[in-house]
Amino acid sequence: MDRFDDLWTDYLEGKLGAAGISELQELLTSRPDLLDRALGLYEVHRALGLLHQAKNPSLFARATADRIRSDREGFVGSLKERLRGKPSPRRTPWAGYGLIAAATLVFSWVIHLLISTPPLPALPSSGPVATLVQSDKALWEPEGDLFAGRRLSPGPLRLSRGSAVLLFDSGAIVALHGPADFEIESRGSARLRHGRITVRADQDAIGFTVHTPAGEAVDLGTEFAVAVELSGATEIHVQQGEVAWGRKPGHPPSHVLKSGQAMRFDPPNGAEDRSIAFSAQPLDDFLRRISYEVPPSRPTAFEDFEYDPGTHPPATASGGSGWAGPWRLRQGVEVTREPDLSDQIRILPESLQGSWFPDPERGGALALPPGQSFLVRGLADPVDLGRDAVYYMSFLVRREPDAPPGSPGGPRFRLTLRSSQDYWGTSIALGLPISLRPAIEFHTGSSFVSPTELEVGATTLWVVKVVASRSGADEIFLKVFKSTEALPRFEPAPWSIATGPFISDGRLDLIVVTGTGPATHVLDGLRVGRTWESVTRRN
């Protein structure tokens, strides 16, 4: 019984791996009496997380179904990749397929258990629709610690204390003030059962909806605060713009609140709606306070190419921080039929500049001359796709207008993450091809191309986000900023390119910089970090 309790508790908290799921399934299959025990433990688990709140088993079923579907797809996909590329010497192929079958059986059994009686409404998309972009002293239940940059799927978020900022894919910003019982519903809607939030939704995010026990607030291009008491009574305070309030979804609003107005709405059969004194902190003030109280994170690796102008042997270029050694040429299995045309690196006297960084750099930039240039440097802190983590990388790049008209074999630039243990295995490349449309490329040959075309001779800022998952799917995002585009406080919504989910467990500890063709490419300001601000701040 103790073993079952441990397994079921880990499952409810999202900590149960594939082996544990198999063991749990065997116990429940052989001991049907444990089902009542499982339901009882769920009630205890939920009571601890939702003290004084109404029970909602159907919400639990939907969230659990979404989570186990995601776990199953990631686990099975990972197994398939290992069976294709790296068969275990201690296990026959049938054993691997047996694991896949077992995972499928568990998935089907749990879904049947959850939705057979009574039938549930159609499940919403289980894919991520928001991002946790910042937090301050936040304690989450039951997850414990959610890190900045993590993608969030529809489902409950319970903030016991502290504060956090979410960026929805629609562009809406929601600040949570703990304690709060909050639920992400979609890219354009959320539910607040208890607590306080501040919402800013303008431009493409207009129409963002917050559901509460007393009704719903629909943004009309505004900033507003919502507070919900344990009784369900709801207050709306409009900082700017307008908010439409209605008791029932899809019905005409009963009130439209404007800037500086506030109202209190009790649940049905409660007191009448009434105006109250406006009292709300502007979102910008809240964000400034967090920025003051939370020290800015620093990059895990950076390279500003602050070397003397001219040419140098790569081994002498060991500046920056967070690297496993100096720059070097390719070696061993890394070498291809495309030879390096020089065994030197070339440093320009001035760094690349852009409107995103008002303070000038101290000087120096890497030039990849026409021809074929390949440079490699190892990261001390690898980008590990086999763990739950978020990585960011940024760099400045410019293609010079020095290619002779009509030159054969157009210019190409590429910055690639590779593994020193499996150089030609998993890789992620950020490329500027002949078309001048930024691209993300995988070692499998898959590529994702931005619809935006860059200009020759213009400096651009590239920011990359890698969302890694130990048991689920990974995803990569790229945003390329032109000189006319401002650098936002938080990561963008949307990005220039999003790869969608893929499965990999590569451990990428090499950065390979490549320039080929008849044009010069200039690289500067290379940074790797764990947060958006760690790679977008220069001071």
Protein backbone atom coordinates (compact mmCIF):
# COMPACT_ATOMS: atom_id res chain seq x y z
CA MET A 1 0.00 0.00 0.00
CA ASP A 2 2.82 2.42 0.84
CA ARG A 3 4.43 1.78 -2.56
CA PHE A 4 1.14 2.50 -4.35
CA ASP A 5 0.67 5.71 -2.35
CA ASP A 6 4.16 6.88 -3.34
CA LEU A 7 3.62 6.09 -7.03
CA TRP A 8 0.20 7.74 -7.19
CA THR A 9 1.39 10.86 -5.34
CA ASP A 10 4.35 11.21 -7.72
CA TYR A 11 1.98 10.84 -10.65
CA LEU A 12 -0.37 13.55 -9.34
CA GLU A 13 2.62 15.88 -8.94
CA GLY A 14 3.95 15.12 -12.42
CA LYS A 15 7.12 13.42 -11.16
CA LEU A 16 6.47 9.83 -12.27
CA GLY A 17 8.68 8.48 -15.04
CA ALA A 18 8.04 5.72 -17.57
CA ALA A 19 9.12 2.89 -15.26
CA GLY A 20 6.90 4.22 -12.49
CA ILE A 21 3.92 4.51 -14.82
CA SER A 22 4.38 0.87 -15.83
CA GLU A 23 4.54 -0.22 -12.18
CA LEU A 24 1.48 1.85 -11.33
CA GLN A 25 -0.46 0.30 -14.20
CA GLU A 26 0.43 -3.22 -13.07
CA LEU A 27 -0.73 -2.49 -9.52
CA LEU A 28 -4.05 -1.06 -10.65
CA THR A 29 -4.64 -3.92 -13.08
CA SER A 30 -3.94 -6.61 -10.48
CA ARG A 31 -5.65 -4.77 -7.62
CA PRO A 32 -8.93 -3.13 -8.76
CA ASP A 33 -9.63 -2.25 -5.11
CA LEU A 34 -6.84 0.31 -5.34
CA LEU A 35 -9.00 2.51 -7.56
CA ASP A 36 -10.94 3.78 -4.55
CA ARG A 37 -7.65 4.41 -2.80
CA ALA A 38 -6.44 6.40 -5.82
CA LEU A 39 -9.56 8.57 -5.84
CA GLY A 40 -9.26 9.16 -2.10
CA LEU A 41 -5.63 10.24 -2.43
CA TYR A 42 -6.60 12.59 -5.24
CA GLU A 43 -9.15 14.29 -2.99
CA VAL A 44 -6.50 14.77 -0.29
CA HIS A 45 -3.97 16.01 -2.85
CA ARG A 46 -6.43 18.51 -4.28
CA ALA A 47 -7.61 19.69 -0.86
CA LEU A 48 -4.07 20.60 0.09
CA GLY A 49 -3.66 22.63 -3.08
CA LEU A 50 -7.14 24.19 -3.10
CA LEU A 51 -8.02 24.75 0.52
CA HIS A 52 -11.49 26.35 0.85
CA GLN A 53 -12.06 26.04 -2.91
CA ALA A 54 -14.82 24.08 -4.65
CA LYS A 55 -13.91 20.69 -6.10
CA ASN A 56 -13.69 20.30 -9.86
CA PRO A 57 -13.01 16.64 -10.82
CA SER A 58 -13.67 17.24 -14.51
CA LEU A 59 -10.93 19.89 -14.58
CA PHE A 60 -8.55 17.41 -12.97
CA ALA A 61 -9.50 14.79 -15.56
CA ARG A 62 -8.89 17.14 -18.47
CA ALA A 63 -5.56 18.37 -17.09
CA THR A 64 -4.42 14.82 -16.28
CA ALA A 65 -5.44 13.57 -19.71
CA ASP A 66 -3.49 16.39 -21.35
CA ARG A 67 -0.44 15.72 -19.22
CA ILE A 68 -0.32 11.98 -19.71
CA ARG A 69 -0.91 12.39 -23.44
CA SER A 70 2.10 14.71 -23.58
CA ASP A 71 4.17 12.35 -21.41
CA ARG A 72 3.24 9.37 -23.56
CA GLU A 73 4.07 11.09 -26.85
CA GLY A 74 7.41 12.34 -25.58
CA PHE A 75 8.34 8.98 -24.01
CA VAL A 76 7.37 6.92 -27.03
CA GLY A 77 9.08 9.34 -29.41
CA SER A 78 12.26 9.20 -27.36
CA LEU A 79 12.20 5.39 -27.39
CA LYS A 80 11.69 5.31 -31.14
CA GLU A 81 14.64 7.63 -31.69
CA ARG A 82 16.89 5.49 -29.50
CA LEU A 83 15.75 2.29 -31.24
CA ARG A 84 16.53 3.80 -34.65
CA GLY A 85 19.88 5.32 -33.78
CA LYS A 86 21.36 3.70 -30.68
CA PRO A 87 20.11 0.18 -29.88
CA SER A 88 21.05 -1.03 -26.44
CA PRO A 89 23.44 -4.00 -26.38
CA ARG A 90 21.59 -5.41 -23.36
CA ARG A 91 18.08 -5.36 -24.78
CA THR A 92 16.56 -7.06 -27.77
CA PRO A 93 14.46 -4.96 -30.19
CA TRP A 94 11.37 -6.76 -28.88
CA ALA A 95 12.04 -5.36 -25.41
CA GLY A 96 12.05 -1.83 -26.80
CA TYR A 97 8.82 -2.36 -28.66
CA GLY A 98 7.38 -3.92 -25.51
CA LEU A 99 8.06 -0.68 -23.64
CA ILE A 100 6.30 1.30 -26.35
CA ALA A 101 3.33 -1.05 -26.17
CA ALA A 102 3.27 -0.76 -22.38
CA ALA A 103 3.33 3.05 -22.55
CA THR A 104 0.49 2.98 -25.06
CA LEU A 105 -1.50 0.60 -22.84
CA VAL A 106 -1.05 2.82 -19.79
CA PHE A 107 -2.10 5.86 -21.76
CA SER A 108 -5.23 4.19 -23.12
CA TRP A 109 -6.16 2.74 -19.72
CA VAL A 110 -5.85 6.05 -17.85
CA ILE A 111 -7.76 7.97 -20.50
CA HIS A 112 -10.53 5.35 -20.29
CA LEU A 113 -10.54 5.63 -16.51
CA LEU A 114 -10.78 9.41 -16.63
CA ILE A 115 -13.38 9.96 -19.32
CA SER A 116 -15.58 6.87 -19.38
CA THR A 117 -18.08 8.12 -16.76
CA PRO A 118 -19.36 10.75 -17.14
CA PRO A 119 -18.36 11.89 -20.65
CA LEU A 120 -16.26 15.05 -20.73
CA PRO A 121 -16.49 17.98 -23.15
CA ALA A 122 -13.93 18.20 -25.95
CA LEU A 123 -10.41 18.66 -24.65
CA PRO A 124 -8.67 21.95 -25.48
CA SER A 125 -5.35 21.93 -27.26
CA SER A 126 -2.69 20.64 -24.86
CA GLY A 127 0.13 22.55 -26.55
CA PRO A 128 1.81 25.47 -24.76
CA VAL A 129 -0.01 28.80 -25.07
CA ALA A 130 1.91 31.01 -22.62
CA THR A 131 5.37 31.58 -21.14
CA LEU A 132 6.53 32.32 -17.60
CA VAL A 133 8.79 35.32 -18.23
CA GLN A 134 9.61 36.54 -14.71
CA SER A 135 9.01 35.72 -11.06
CA ASP A 136 9.90 37.04 -7.63
CA LYS A 137 9.99 34.76 -4.56
CA ALA A 138 7.36 32.61 -6.25
CA LEU A 139 6.28 29.32 -4.64
CA TRP A 140 4.12 27.13 -6.86
CA GLU A 141 1.90 24.25 -5.80
CA PRO A 142 2.34 21.42 -6.48
CA GLU A 143 5.15 22.03 -9.00
CA GLY A 144 7.40 23.76 -6.47
CA ASP A 145 9.66 25.80 -8.75
CA LEU A 146 8.86 26.97 -12.28
CA PHE A 147 11.78 28.63 -14.04
CA ALA A 148 11.70 31.72 -16.25
CA GLY A 149 11.27 30.90 -19.92
CA ARG A 150 9.23 27.77 -19.32
CA ARG A 151 6.37 27.22 -21.75
CA LEU A 152 2.98 26.65 -20.15
CA SER A 153 0.09 24.57 -21.45
CA PRO A 154 -3.59 25.04 -20.54
CA GLY A 155 -4.15 24.01 -16.95
CA PRO A 156 -4.09 25.25 -13.35
CA LEU A 157 -1.34 27.38 -11.80
CA ARG A 158 -1.45 27.83 -8.05
CA LEU A 159 0.85 30.50 -6.67
CA SER A 160 1.18 30.13 -2.90
CA ARG A 161 3.27 33.26 -2.46
CA GLY A 162 5.37 35.75 -4.36
CA SER A 163 4.59 37.11 -7.80
CA ALA A 164 5.03 36.10 -11.42
CA VAL A 165 4.55 37.47 -14.93
CA LEU A 166 3.07 35.39 -17.76
CA LEU A 167 3.22 36.26 -21.45
CA PHE A 168 0.39 34.68 -23.44
CA ASP A 169 0.98 33.81 -27.09
CA SER A 170 -1.68 36.38 -28.01
CA GLY A 171 0.60 39.08 -26.58
CA ALA A 172 -1.34 39.60 -23.34
CA ILE A 173 0.74 40.10 -20.17
CA VAL A 174 -0.69 38.79 -16.89
CA ALA A 175 0.93 39.52 -13.53
CA LEU A 176 -0.03 37.12 -10.72
CA HIS A 177 0.10 38.23 -7.09
CA GLY A 178 0.20 35.32 -4.67
CA PRO A 179 -1.68 33.62 -3.20
CA ALA A 180 -3.66 33.00 -6.38
CA ASP A 181 -5.61 30.08 -7.87
CA PHE A 182 -5.28 30.70 -11.60
CA GLU A 183 -5.88 28.63 -14.71
CA ILE A 184 -4.57 29.08 -18.25
CA GLU A 185 -7.41 28.25 -20.65
CA SER A 186 -6.06 29.28 -24.07
CA ARG A 187 -3.80 31.84 -25.73
CA GLY A 188 -6.60 34.37 -25.27
CA SER A 189 -8.32 33.47 -22.01
CA ALA A 190 -7.70 32.56 -18.39
CA ARG A 191 -9.67 31.82 -15.23
CA LEU A 192 -9.12 33.32 -11.78
CA ARG A 193 -10.80 31.44 -8.93
CA HIS A 194 -9.12 33.31 -6.12
CA GLY A 195 -6.44 35.99 -5.79
CA ARG A 196 -5.29 39.07 -7.73
CA ILE A 197 -3.98 39.56 -11.25
CA THR A 198 -3.12 42.52 -13.46
CA VAL A 199 -3.69 42.23 -17.20
CA ARG A 200 -2.37 44.26 -20.13
CA ALA A 201 -3.83 43.31 -23.49
CA ASP A 202 -3.52 45.59 -26.49
CA GLN A 203 -3.01 45.34 -30.24
CA ASP A 204 -3.33 41.67 -31.24
CA ALA A 205 -4.24 40.69 -27.67
CA ILE A 206 -7.46 42.73 -27.60
CA GLY A 207 -10.33 40.50 -26.52
CA PHE A 208 -8.35 38.67 -23.82
CA THR A 209 -10.91 37.24 -21.38
CA VAL A 210 -10.68 36.55 -17.65
CA HIS A 211 -13.36 34.22 -16.23
CA THR A 212 -14.23 34.45 -12.54
CA PRO A 213 -16.90 32.80 -10.33
CA ALA A 214 -19.06 35.93 -10.76
CA GLY A 215 -18.74 36.38 -14.53
CA GLU A 216 -16.19 37.32 -17.19
CA ALA A 217 -14.13 40.41 -18.01
CA VAL A 218 -13.33 40.97 -21.70
CA ASP A 219 -10.49 43.31 -22.58
CA LEU A 220 -11.24 46.05 -25.12
CA GLY A 221 -7.63 47.18 -25.45
CA THR A 222 -6.64 48.02 -21.92
CA GLU A 223 -4.90 47.39 -18.64
CA PHE A 224 -6.98 46.25 -15.71
CA ALA A 225 -6.80 44.44 -12.37
CA VAL A 226 -9.00 41.59 -11.19
CA ALA A 227 -9.41 40.50 -7.55
CA VAL A 228 -11.47 37.46 -6.55
CA GLU A 229 -12.36 36.67 -2.93
CA LEU A 230 -12.84 33.15 -1.54
CA SER A 231 -16.59 33.74 -1.73
CA GLY A 232 -16.29 34.34 -5.48
CA ALA A 233 -16.98 38.08 -5.25
CA THR A 234 -15.01 39.85 -7.99
CA GLU A 235 -13.61 43.36 -8.30
CA ILE A 236 -12.55 44.94 -11.62
CA HIS A 237 -10.33 48.04 -11.62
CA VAL A 238 -9.62 49.57 -15.04
CA GLN A 239 -6.27 51.32 -15.22
CA GLN A 240 -6.51 52.26 -18.88
CA GLY A 241 -8.88 51.63 -21.80
CA GLU A 242 -12.15 49.72 -21.39
CA VAL A 243 -13.36 46.37 -20.04
CA ALA A 244 -16.67 44.68 -20.85
CA TRP A 245 -18.24 42.72 -17.99
CA GLY A 246 -20.88 40.05 -18.41
CA ARG A 247 -22.48 37.42 -16.22
CA LYS A 248 -22.69 34.73 -18.94
CA PRO A 249 -20.26 33.95 -21.76
CA GLY A 250 -21.61 34.86 -25.19
CA HIS A 251 -24.24 37.26 -23.80
CA PRO A 252 -24.15 41.05 -24.20
CA PRO A 253 -22.12 42.72 -21.43
CA SER A 254 -24.00 44.21 -18.52
CA HIS A 255 -21.34 46.88 -17.90
CA VAL A 256 -18.52 48.58 -19.78
CA LEU A 257 -15.95 50.02 -17.39
CA LYS A 258 -13.65 52.84 -18.50
CA SER A 259 -10.31 54.19 -17.25
CA GLY A 260 -10.35 54.98 -13.54
CA GLN A 261 -13.56 53.04 -12.88
CA ALA A 262 -13.98 50.06 -10.55
CA MET A 263 -16.91 47.79 -9.71
CA ARG A 264 -17.69 44.86 -7.45
CA PHE A 265 -19.64 41.86 -8.74
CA ASP A 266 -20.95 39.20 -6.37
CA PRO A 267 -21.74 35.65 -7.50
CA PRO A 268 -25.30 34.94 -8.70
CA ASN A 269 -27.93 35.46 -5.99
CA GLY A 270 -25.55 37.74 -4.15
CA ALA A 271 -25.59 41.52 -3.68
CA GLU A 272 -26.24 43.83 -6.60
CA ASP A 273 -23.36 45.06 -8.75
CA ARG A 274 -22.00 48.33 -7.41
CA SER A 275 -19.29 50.91 -8.05
CA ILE A 276 -16.35 51.06 -5.67
CA ALA A 277 -13.31 53.27 -5.20
CA PHE A 278 -10.59 52.69 -7.81
CA SER A 279 -7.42 51.19 -6.35
CA ALA A 280 -4.88 49.43 -8.58
CA GLN A 281 -1.13 49.52 -9.08
CA PRO A 282 -0.06 50.19 -12.68
CA LEU A 283 1.61 47.20 -14.28
CA ASP A 284 4.71 49.24 -15.15
CA ASP A 285 5.21 50.13 -11.48
CA PHE A 286 4.92 46.47 -10.54
CA LEU A 287 7.45 45.45 -13.21
CA ARG A 288 9.90 48.15 -12.11
CA ARG A 289 9.68 46.88 -8.54
CA ILE A 290 10.45 43.32 -9.64
CA SER A 291 13.39 44.52 -11.74
CA TYR A 292 14.75 46.41 -8.73
CA GLU A 293 14.33 43.52 -6.28
CA VAL A 294 15.42 40.65 -8.54
CA PRO A 295 19.11 40.90 -9.57
CA PRO A 296 19.55 40.61 -13.35
CA SER A 297 20.93 37.26 -14.43
CA ARG A 298 24.23 37.08 -16.27
CA PRO A 299 25.12 35.02 -19.33
CA THR A 300 26.69 31.63 -18.81
CA ALA A 301 29.04 32.35 -21.73
CA PHE A 302 29.90 35.46 -23.74
CA GLU A 303 32.39 36.53 -26.41
CA ASP A 304 32.73 40.13 -27.60
CA PHE A 305 35.85 39.54 -29.75
CA GLU A 306 37.81 42.24 -27.95
CA TYR A 307 41.14 41.37 -29.52
CA ASP A 308 43.68 43.52 -31.33
CA PRO A 309 42.66 44.25 -34.94
CA GLY A 310 44.27 42.04 -37.57
CA THR A 311 44.82 38.30 -37.94
CA HIS A 312 45.65 35.90 -35.13
CA PRO A 313 46.06 32.15 -34.62
CA PRO A 314 42.74 30.86 -33.22
CA ALA A 315 44.45 29.48 -30.10
CA THR A 316 45.24 33.05 -28.98
CA ALA A 317 41.54 34.02 -29.06
CA SER A 318 40.50 32.92 -25.58
CA GLY A 319 38.56 35.98 -24.41
CA GLY A 320 35.15 36.22 -22.91
CA SER A 321 33.89 33.84 -20.23
CA GLY A 322 32.12 30.49 -19.90
CA TRP A 323 34.15 28.60 -22.50
CA ALA A 324 35.96 25.26 -22.35
CA GLY A 325 38.94 26.64 -24.29
CA PRO A 326 39.95 29.09 -27.03
CA TRP A 327 38.65 29.21 -30.58
CA ARG A 328 40.07 26.55 -32.87
CA LEU A 329 39.83 25.10 -36.36
CA ARG A 330 37.96 21.88 -37.09
CA GLN A 331 39.78 18.67 -36.32
CA GLY A 332 39.43 14.91 -36.77
CA VAL A 333 35.94 13.79 -37.81
CA GLU A 334 34.80 17.42 -37.94
CA VAL A 335 36.71 18.08 -41.18
CA THR A 336 34.77 17.81 -44.46
CA ARG A 337 35.67 18.08 -48.13
CA GLU A 338 35.33 21.84 -47.76
CA PRO A 339 38.78 22.85 -46.50
CA ASP A 340 39.56 25.86 -44.32
CA LEU A 341 41.13 28.49 -46.58
CA SER A 342 43.02 30.08 -43.68
CA ASP A 343 44.45 28.99 -40.36
CA GLN A 344 44.03 32.50 -38.91
CA ILE A 345 41.10 34.49 -37.53
CA ARG A 346 40.49 38.08 -38.58
CA ILE A 347 39.41 40.76 -36.09
CA LEU A 348 37.93 44.09 -37.19
CA PRO A 349 38.81 47.23 -35.19
CA GLU A 350 35.18 48.18 -34.43
CA SER A 351 32.38 46.17 -32.90
CA LEU A 352 28.99 45.85 -34.52
CA GLN A 353 26.52 48.49 -33.36
CA GLY A 354 22.76 48.60 -33.20
CA SER A 355 19.96 50.68 -31.77
CA TRP A 356 19.26 48.00 -29.15
CA PHE A 357 22.40 48.83 -27.12
CA PRO A 358 22.89 52.57 -26.55
CA ASP A 359 26.31 52.20 -24.94
CA PRO A 360 29.06 51.50 -27.52
CA GLU A 361 31.08 48.31 -27.17
CA ARG A 362 34.81 48.56 -26.53
CA GLY A 363 35.73 47.38 -30.01
CA GLY A 364 36.37 44.23 -31.98
CA ALA A 365 34.30 41.93 -34.19
CA LEU A 366 34.97 38.63 -35.95
CA ALA A 367 35.13 38.75 -39.76
CA LEU A 368 34.56 35.60 -41.80
CA PRO A 369 36.11 36.53 -45.18
CA PRO A 370 34.90 35.35 -48.60
CA GLY A 371 35.66 31.70 -49.20
CA GLN A 372 35.28 29.06 -46.51
CA SER A 373 35.77 29.76 -42.81
CA PHE A 374 35.02 27.36 -39.95
CA LEU A 375 35.68 28.15 -36.28
CA VAL A 376 34.84 26.01 -33.24
CA ARG A 377 34.65 26.76 -29.52
CA GLY A 378 33.49 24.59 -26.62
CA LEU A 379 30.91 25.64 -24.04
CA ALA A 380 31.64 25.00 -20.37
CA ASP A 381 27.87 24.74 -19.72
CA PRO A 382 26.35 22.72 -22.59
CA VAL A 383 22.87 23.10 -24.05
CA ASP A 384 21.44 19.81 -22.78
CA LEU A 385 18.25 18.72 -24.56
CA GLY A 386 17.94 15.76 -22.21
CA ARG A 387 16.95 17.81 -19.16
CA ASP A 388 14.16 20.20 -18.19
CA ALA A 389 15.71 23.59 -18.92
CA VAL A 390 15.49 26.72 -21.05
CA TYR A 391 18.50 28.18 -22.86
CA TYR A 392 18.89 31.48 -24.69
CA MET A 393 21.54 32.66 -27.14
CA SER A 394 22.05 35.97 -28.93
CA PHE A 395 24.51 37.44 -31.41
CA LEU A 396 24.93 40.29 -33.87
CA VAL A 397 25.57 39.48 -37.51
CA ARG A 398 25.99 41.42 -40.76
CA ARG A 399 26.52 40.33 -44.35
CA GLU A 400 28.81 42.78 -46.11
CA PRO A 401 27.96 44.01 -49.63
CA ASP A 402 31.32 42.88 -51.01
CA ALA A 403 30.20 39.92 -53.13
CA PRO A 404 30.89 40.61 -56.83
CA PRO A 405 27.65 40.73 -58.88
CA GLY A 406 26.79 37.37 -60.39
CA SER A 407 29.19 35.45 -58.15
CA PRO A 408 28.62 31.68 -58.27
CA GLY A 409 27.63 29.83 -55.11
CA GLY A 410 25.98 32.56 -53.05
CA PRO A 411 27.06 33.55 -49.52
CA ARG A 412 25.94 31.64 -46.46
CA PHE A 413 26.38 32.16 -42.70
CA ARG A 414 25.64 29.58 -40.06
CA LEU A 415 26.07 29.31 -36.29
CA THR A 416 25.59 25.71 -35.19
CA LEU A 417 25.28 23.97 -31.82
CA ARG A 418 26.91 20.52 -31.98
CA SER A 419 28.14 17.77 -29.66
CA SER A 420 31.82 17.01 -29.13
CA GLN A 421 30.87 13.39 -28.41
CA ASP A 422 28.71 12.98 -31.52
CA TYR A 423 29.69 15.78 -33.88
CA TRP A 424 27.53 14.65 -36.79
CA GLY A 425 24.60 13.72 -34.57
CA THR A 426 22.04 16.11 -33.12
CA SER A 427 22.67 19.72 -34.15
CA ILE A 428 20.81 23.03 -34.23
CA ALA A 429 21.89 25.59 -36.84
CA LEU A 430 20.89 29.24 -37.12
CA GLY A 431 21.52 30.26 -40.69
CA LEU A 432 21.48 33.22 -43.06
CA PRO A 433 21.27 31.58 -46.50
CA ILE A 434 21.49 33.09 -49.97
CA SER A 435 17.84 34.19 -49.75
CA LEU A 436 18.61 36.43 -46.74
CA ARG A 437 15.71 34.79 -44.89
CA PRO A 438 16.86 33.56 -41.45
CA ALA A 439 16.43 29.83 -40.88
CA ILE A 440 16.63 27.13 -38.22
CA GLU A 441 18.05 23.84 -39.51
CA PHE A 442 18.34 20.40 -37.90
CA HIS A 443 20.79 17.59 -38.60
CA THR A 444 17.87 15.60 -40.00
CA GLY A 445 17.55 18.05 -42.90
CA SER A 446 14.42 19.72 -41.54
CA SER A 447 14.45 23.51 -41.82
CA PHE A 448 12.21 26.39 -40.76
CA VAL A 449 12.51 29.68 -42.64
CA SER A 450 11.44 33.17 -41.62
CA PRO A 451 9.18 35.08 -44.04
CA THR A 452 11.21 38.24 -43.39
CA GLU A 453 14.11 39.09 -45.71
CA LEU A 454 17.11 40.92 -44.27
CA GLU A 455 19.18 43.61 -45.96
CA VAL A 456 22.78 43.23 -47.09
CA GLY A 457 25.03 45.55 -45.09
CA ALA A 458 22.60 45.87 -42.17
CA THR A 459 23.42 44.67 -38.65
CA THR A 460 20.76 42.43 -37.09
CA LEU A 461 20.32 40.99 -33.61
CA TRP A 462 19.44 37.29 -33.41
CA VAL A 463 17.94 35.86 -30.20
CA VAL A 464 17.37 32.12 -29.89
CA LYS A 465 15.39 30.23 -27.26
CA VAL A 466 15.80 26.48 -26.76
CA VAL A 467 13.16 24.79 -24.60
CA ALA A 468 14.55 21.41 -23.52
CA SER A 469 12.57 18.63 -21.88
CA ARG A 470 13.75 15.47 -20.16
CA SER A 471 10.64 13.41 -20.92
CA GLY A 472 8.61 15.56 -23.31
CA ALA A 473 9.16 17.45 -26.53
CA ASP A 474 11.77 20.14 -27.18
CA GLU A 475 11.15 23.35 -29.14
CA ILE A 476 13.25 26.17 -30.60
CA PHE A 477 12.34 29.80 -31.23
CA LEU A 478 14.20 32.51 -33.15
CA LYS A 479 13.61 36.25 -33.25
CA VAL A 480 15.67 38.45 -35.60
CA PHE A 481 15.58 42.18 -34.82
CA LYS A 482 16.27 44.75 -37.50
CA SER A 483 17.79 48.08 -36.51
CA THR A 484 14.34 49.70 -36.68
CA GLU A 485 12.85 47.25 -34.17
CA ALA A 486 12.97 47.91 -30.45
CA LEU A 487 14.18 45.24 -28.06
CA PRO A 488 11.22 44.31 -25.80
CA ARG A 489 11.42 43.96 -22.05
CA PHE A 490 10.27 40.34 -22.27
CA GLU A 491 10.70 37.75 -24.95
CA PRO A 492 8.42 38.32 -27.95
CA ALA A 493 5.04 36.90 -28.82
CA PRO A 494 5.20 35.79 -31.54
CA TRP A 495 8.75 34.87 -32.57
CA SER A 496 10.14 35.06 -36.13
CA ILE A 497 10.39 31.25 -36.25
CA ALA A 498 9.05 28.47 -34.02
CA THR A 499 10.02 24.90 -34.90
CA GLY A 500 7.17 23.16 -33.13
CA PRO A 501 7.84 20.14 -30.88
CA PHE A 502 10.56 17.59 -31.60
CA ILE A 503 12.25 14.86 -29.56
CA SER A 504 15.99 14.83 -28.84
CA ASP A 505 18.37 14.24 -25.95
CA GLY A 506 21.52 15.73 -27.50
CA ARG A 507 24.10 17.39 -25.28
CA LEU A 508 25.40 20.29 -27.37
CA ASP A 509 28.69 21.67 -26.07
CA LEU A 510 30.24 23.14 -29.25
CA ILE A 511 29.51 26.33 -31.14
CA VAL A 512 30.60 26.15 -34.79
CA VAL A 513 30.67 29.39 -36.79
CA THR A 514 30.66 29.02 -40.57
CA GLY A 515 30.96 31.54 -43.40
CA THR A 516 31.05 30.40 -47.03
CA GLY A 517 30.65 31.98 -50.45
CA PRO A 518 31.76 35.28 -52.01
CA ALA A 519 30.77 37.68 -49.22
CA THR A 520 32.19 38.65 -45.83
CA HIS A 521 30.12 37.95 -42.70
CA VAL A 522 30.75 39.77 -39.42
CA LEU A 523 29.84 38.28 -36.03
CA ASP A 524 29.85 39.98 -32.64
CA GLY A 525 28.30 40.00 -29.16
CA LEU A 526 27.81 36.23 -28.78
CA ARG A 527 26.00 35.29 -25.58
CA VAL A 528 24.50 32.14 -24.05
CA GLY A 529 22.34 32.20 -20.90
CA ARG A 530 19.34 30.88 -19.02
CA THR A 531 17.07 33.93 -19.22
CA TRP A 532 15.97 36.43 -21.84
CA GLU A 533 17.62 39.34 -20.08
CA SER A 534 20.95 37.50 -19.67
CA VAL A 535 21.49 37.56 -23.44
CA THR A 536 19.76 40.83 -24.34
CA ARG A 537 21.40 43.16 -21.81
CA ARG A 538 24.89 44.44 -22.47
CA ASN A 539 25.60 46.18 -19.16
